[in-house]
N, C-alpha and C. Protein backbone atom coordinates (compact mmCIF):
# COMPACT_ATOMS: atom_id res chain seq x y z
N MET A 1 82.77 68.33 73.57
CA MET A 1 83.55 68.60 74.64
C MET A 1 83.53 67.85 75.86
N ARG A 2 84.30 66.87 75.96
CA ARG A 2 83.83 66.15 77.51
C ARG A 2 84.43 67.02 78.51
N HIS A 3 83.75 66.95 79.53
CA HIS A 3 84.27 67.41 81.11
C HIS A 3 84.93 66.22 81.65
N SER A 4 86.07 66.56 82.61
CA SER A 4 86.68 65.73 83.40
C SER A 4 86.00 65.95 84.79
N ARG A 5 86.27 64.65 85.52
CA ARG A 5 85.56 64.84 86.84
C ARG A 5 86.28 65.80 87.70
N LEU A 6 87.44 66.20 87.24
CA LEU A 6 88.22 67.14 88.05
C LEU A 6 87.86 68.60 87.89
N GLU A 7 87.56 68.76 86.68
CA GLU A 7 86.56 70.27 86.18
C GLU A 7 85.29 70.35 87.27
N SER A 8 84.57 69.10 87.37
CA SER A 8 83.16 69.18 87.97
C SER A 8 83.54 69.10 89.22
N PHE A 9 84.49 68.70 89.58
CA PHE A 9 84.71 68.98 91.49
C PHE A 9 85.28 70.33 91.64
N GLY A 10 85.91 70.87 90.66
CA GLY A 10 86.23 72.15 90.71
C GLY A 10 85.39 73.33 90.77
N LEU A 11 84.40 73.11 89.90
CA LEU A 11 83.30 73.92 89.90
C LEU A 11 82.34 73.89 91.35
N LEU A 12 82.35 72.52 91.69
CA LEU A 12 81.11 72.47 92.94
C LEU A 12 82.11 73.06 94.20
N ALA A 13 83.28 73.08 94.37
CA ALA A 13 83.75 73.28 95.20
C ALA A 13 83.75 75.19 95.14
N SER A 14 84.35 75.58 94.20
CA SER A 14 84.06 77.00 93.99
C SER A 14 82.64 77.66 94.32
N LEU A 15 81.54 76.68 93.82
CA LEU A 15 80.12 77.42 94.25
C LEU A 15 80.13 77.19 95.94
N LEU A 16 80.37 76.13 96.40
CA LEU A 16 80.23 75.94 98.02
C LEU A 16 81.13 76.91 98.71
N VAL A 17 82.12 77.40 98.19
CA VAL A 17 83.13 78.36 98.84
C VAL A 17 82.25 79.68 98.67
N ALA A 18 82.02 79.92 97.47
CA ALA A 18 81.26 81.30 97.21
C ALA A 18 80.03 81.65 98.06
N THR A 19 79.26 80.45 98.16
CA THR A 19 77.89 80.41 99.32
C THR A 19 78.56 80.56 100.70
N ALA A 20 79.38 79.96 101.04
CA ALA A 20 79.89 80.37 102.41
C ALA A 20 80.25 81.49 102.86
N ALA A 21 81.12 82.04 101.69
CA ALA A 21 81.49 83.25 101.83
C ALA A 21 80.79 84.68 101.93
N SER A 22 79.52 84.43 101.17
CA SER A 22 78.63 85.41 101.30
C SER A 22 77.62 85.53 102.07
N ALA A 23 77.70 84.52 103.19
CA ALA A 23 76.70 84.19 103.96
C ALA A 23 77.05 85.06 105.40
N CYS A 24 75.88 85.58 105.82
CA CYS A 24 75.71 86.36 107.11
C CYS A 24 76.74 87.65 107.22
N PRO A 25 76.44 88.66 106.37
CA PRO A 25 77.24 90.03 106.51
C PRO A 25 77.12 90.85 107.53
N ASN A 26 76.31 90.50 108.36
CA ASN A 26 75.68 91.51 109.75
C ASN A 26 75.63 90.63 110.91
N CYS A 27 76.30 89.55 110.78
CA CYS A 27 76.05 88.55 112.06
C CYS A 27 77.08 88.94 113.16
N ASP A 28 77.04 88.66 114.44
CA ASP A 28 77.76 89.05 115.43
C ASP A 28 79.37 88.79 115.36
N THR A 29 79.61 87.67 114.55
CA THR A 29 80.89 87.31 114.31
C THR A 29 81.76 88.60 113.37
N SER A 30 80.76 88.93 112.35
CA SER A 30 81.17 89.77 111.11
C SER A 30 81.27 91.08 111.81
N GLN A 31 80.61 91.61 112.57
CA GLN A 31 80.78 92.80 113.38
C GLN A 31 81.92 92.97 114.22
N VAL A 32 82.42 92.04 114.67
CA VAL A 32 83.50 91.83 115.69
C VAL A 32 84.81 91.90 114.81
N VAL A 33 84.93 91.31 113.61
CA VAL A 33 85.85 91.07 112.75
C VAL A 33 85.90 92.71 112.26
N ARG A 34 84.96 93.50 111.92
CA ARG A 34 84.84 94.60 111.26
C ARG A 34 85.55 95.45 112.21
N ALA A 35 85.12 95.51 113.27
CA ALA A 35 85.44 96.50 114.26
C ALA A 35 86.86 96.47 114.61
N SER A 36 87.57 94.94 114.64
CA SER A 36 88.79 94.76 114.80
C SER A 36 89.79 95.39 113.78
N VAL A 37 89.20 95.38 112.55
CA VAL A 37 90.15 95.76 111.49
C VAL A 37 89.99 97.17 111.33
N LEU A 38 88.86 97.74 111.48
CA LEU A 38 88.42 99.25 111.27
C LEU A 38 88.39 99.73 112.80
N GLY A 39 89.50 99.34 113.52
CA GLY A 39 89.51 100.02 114.75
C GLY A 39 90.29 101.16 114.80
N GLU A 40 91.08 101.54 116.24
CA GLU A 40 91.76 102.87 116.31
C GLU A 40 93.14 103.09 115.41
N GLY A 41 93.61 102.04 115.43
CA GLY A 41 94.79 102.24 114.34
C GLY A 41 94.59 102.16 112.60
N PHE A 42 93.18 102.04 112.22
CA PHE A 42 93.30 101.92 111.21
C PHE A 42 93.64 102.95 110.17
N TRP A 43 93.31 104.11 110.63
CA TRP A 43 93.97 105.34 109.55
C TRP A 43 95.31 105.46 109.68
N ARG A 44 95.77 105.17 110.81
CA ARG A 44 97.30 105.61 111.04
C ARG A 44 97.89 104.45 110.05
N TYR A 45 97.61 103.06 110.02
CA TYR A 45 98.21 102.18 109.38
C TYR A 45 97.98 102.38 107.66
N LEU A 46 96.78 102.87 107.57
CA LEU A 46 96.34 103.29 106.13
C LEU A 46 97.24 104.07 105.71
N VAL A 47 97.67 105.24 106.53
CA VAL A 47 98.29 106.60 105.90
C VAL A 47 99.84 106.08 105.67
N MET A 48 100.11 105.11 106.72
CA MET A 48 101.66 104.81 106.67
C MET A 48 101.83 103.76 105.52
N ALA A 49 100.85 102.99 105.05
CA ALA A 49 100.86 102.29 103.88
C ALA A 49 100.92 103.14 102.25
N VAL A 50 99.98 104.33 102.36
CA VAL A 50 99.84 104.84 101.17
C VAL A 50 100.78 106.36 100.81
N VAL A 51 101.20 106.71 101.97
CA VAL A 51 102.22 107.93 101.91
C VAL A 51 103.23 107.62 101.05
N PRO A 52 104.19 106.64 101.13
CA PRO A 52 104.98 106.24 100.03
C PRO A 52 104.95 106.43 98.72
N PHE A 53 103.78 105.74 98.31
CA PHE A 53 103.21 105.77 96.89
C PHE A 53 102.81 107.29 96.52
N LEU A 54 102.43 108.02 97.48
CA LEU A 54 102.04 109.57 97.18
C LEU A 54 103.01 110.41 96.88
N PHE A 55 104.16 110.16 97.56
CA PHE A 55 105.55 110.76 97.47
C PHE A 55 106.43 110.33 96.54
N ILE A 56 106.16 109.21 95.97
CA ILE A 56 106.95 108.78 94.80
C ILE A 56 106.45 109.22 93.57
N GLY A 57 104.93 109.40 93.68
CA GLY A 57 104.10 109.55 92.49
C GLY A 57 104.22 111.18 92.38
N ALA A 58 104.39 112.18 93.52
CA ALA A 58 104.36 113.68 93.66
C ALA A 58 105.60 113.92 92.81
N LEU A 59 106.64 113.13 93.44
CA LEU A 59 108.30 113.40 92.70
C LEU A 59 108.30 113.18 91.44
N SER A 60 107.65 112.03 90.88
CA SER A 60 107.74 111.75 89.37
C SER A 60 106.95 112.77 88.54
N ALA A 61 105.94 112.99 89.50
CA ALA A 61 105.05 114.45 88.32
C ALA A 61 105.88 115.50 88.50
N PHE A 62 106.67 115.72 89.30
CA PHE A 62 107.32 116.82 89.45
C PHE A 62 108.54 116.97 88.67
N LEU A 63 109.36 115.80 88.66
CA LEU A 63 110.44 115.83 87.55
C LEU A 63 109.57 115.83 85.96
N TYR A 64 108.91 115.43 85.80
CA TYR A 64 108.06 115.02 84.50
C TYR A 64 107.70 116.67 84.08
N ARG A 65 107.26 117.18 85.17
CA ARG A 65 106.89 118.52 84.76
C ARG A 65 107.98 119.57 84.52
N ILE A 66 109.05 119.49 85.18
CA ILE A 66 109.99 120.38 85.07
C ILE A 66 110.82 119.89 83.71
N GLY A 67 110.53 118.80 83.17
CA GLY A 67 111.22 118.40 81.90
C GLY A 67 112.67 118.28 81.80
N LEU A 68 113.16 117.07 82.79
CA LEU A 68 114.28 116.84 82.78
C LEU A 68 114.68 116.24 81.20
N PRO A 69 115.88 116.85 80.55
CA PRO A 69 116.12 115.96 79.18
C PRO A 69 116.81 114.55 79.28
N PRO A 70 116.35 113.99 78.29
CA PRO A 70 117.06 112.33 78.56
C PRO A 70 118.35 112.66 78.15
N SER A 71 119.10 111.63 78.53
CA SER A 71 120.57 111.50 78.12
C SER A 71 120.97 111.57 76.97
N GLY A 72 120.31 111.32 75.98
CA GLY A 72 120.59 111.29 74.41
C GLY A 72 120.33 112.96 73.78
N MET A 73 119.30 113.56 74.29
CA MET A 73 119.05 114.50 74.10
C MET A 73 120.00 115.71 74.31
N THR A 74 120.81 115.66 75.56
CA THR A 74 121.78 116.58 75.81
C THR A 74 123.04 116.78 74.84
N SER A 75 123.29 115.52 74.21
CA SER A 75 124.19 115.68 73.27
C SER A 75 123.72 116.14 71.99
N ALA A 76 122.56 116.16 71.47
CA ALA A 76 122.01 116.65 70.35
C ALA A 76 122.07 117.94 70.53
N ARG A 77 121.58 118.60 71.81
CA ARG A 77 121.65 120.01 72.15
C ARG A 77 123.05 120.82 72.10
N ALA A 78 124.02 119.81 72.44
CA ALA A 78 125.43 120.39 72.34
C ALA A 78 125.92 120.32 70.87
N ARG A 79 125.55 119.42 70.14
CA ARG A 79 125.77 119.36 68.44
C ARG A 79 125.18 120.57 67.74
N ASN A 80 124.07 121.21 68.58
CA ASN A 80 123.33 122.20 67.68
C ASN A 80 124.14 123.62 68.03
N GLU A 81 124.35 123.52 69.56
CA GLU A 81 124.95 124.84 69.75
C GLU A 81 126.42 124.98 69.03
N SER A 82 127.13 123.75 68.74
CA SER A 82 128.45 124.12 68.05
C SER A 82 128.24 124.40 66.64
N GLY A 83 127.10 124.52 66.16
CA GLY A 83 127.25 124.84 64.62
C GLY A 83 127.10 124.00 63.79
N ARG A 84 127.13 122.89 64.02
CA ARG A 84 126.84 121.72 63.24
C ARG A 84 125.46 121.21 62.90
N PRO A 85 124.85 121.28 61.89
CA PRO A 85 123.69 120.27 61.64
C PRO A 85 123.74 118.85 61.89
N SER A 86 122.49 118.52 62.57
CA SER A 86 122.53 117.41 62.93
C SER A 86 121.81 116.36 61.90
């Protein structure tokens, strides 16, 4: 299998980016960025982002738990109550 120059260049570029991204996790610049991201408003913004998903999930679980019948099941139940076998 022959490798093209583009594949070799892509591999080299990805290795260089991965090396630069993993460098210096505790330097002064990273501490400043971490403090600005995890600052005062972090929890407020996190809650505002997560609450809609929790609300929709809880509502879906509630509706599943009470067992709302599908639309086709209502007509089958009506047929059974009228005395005709299905």
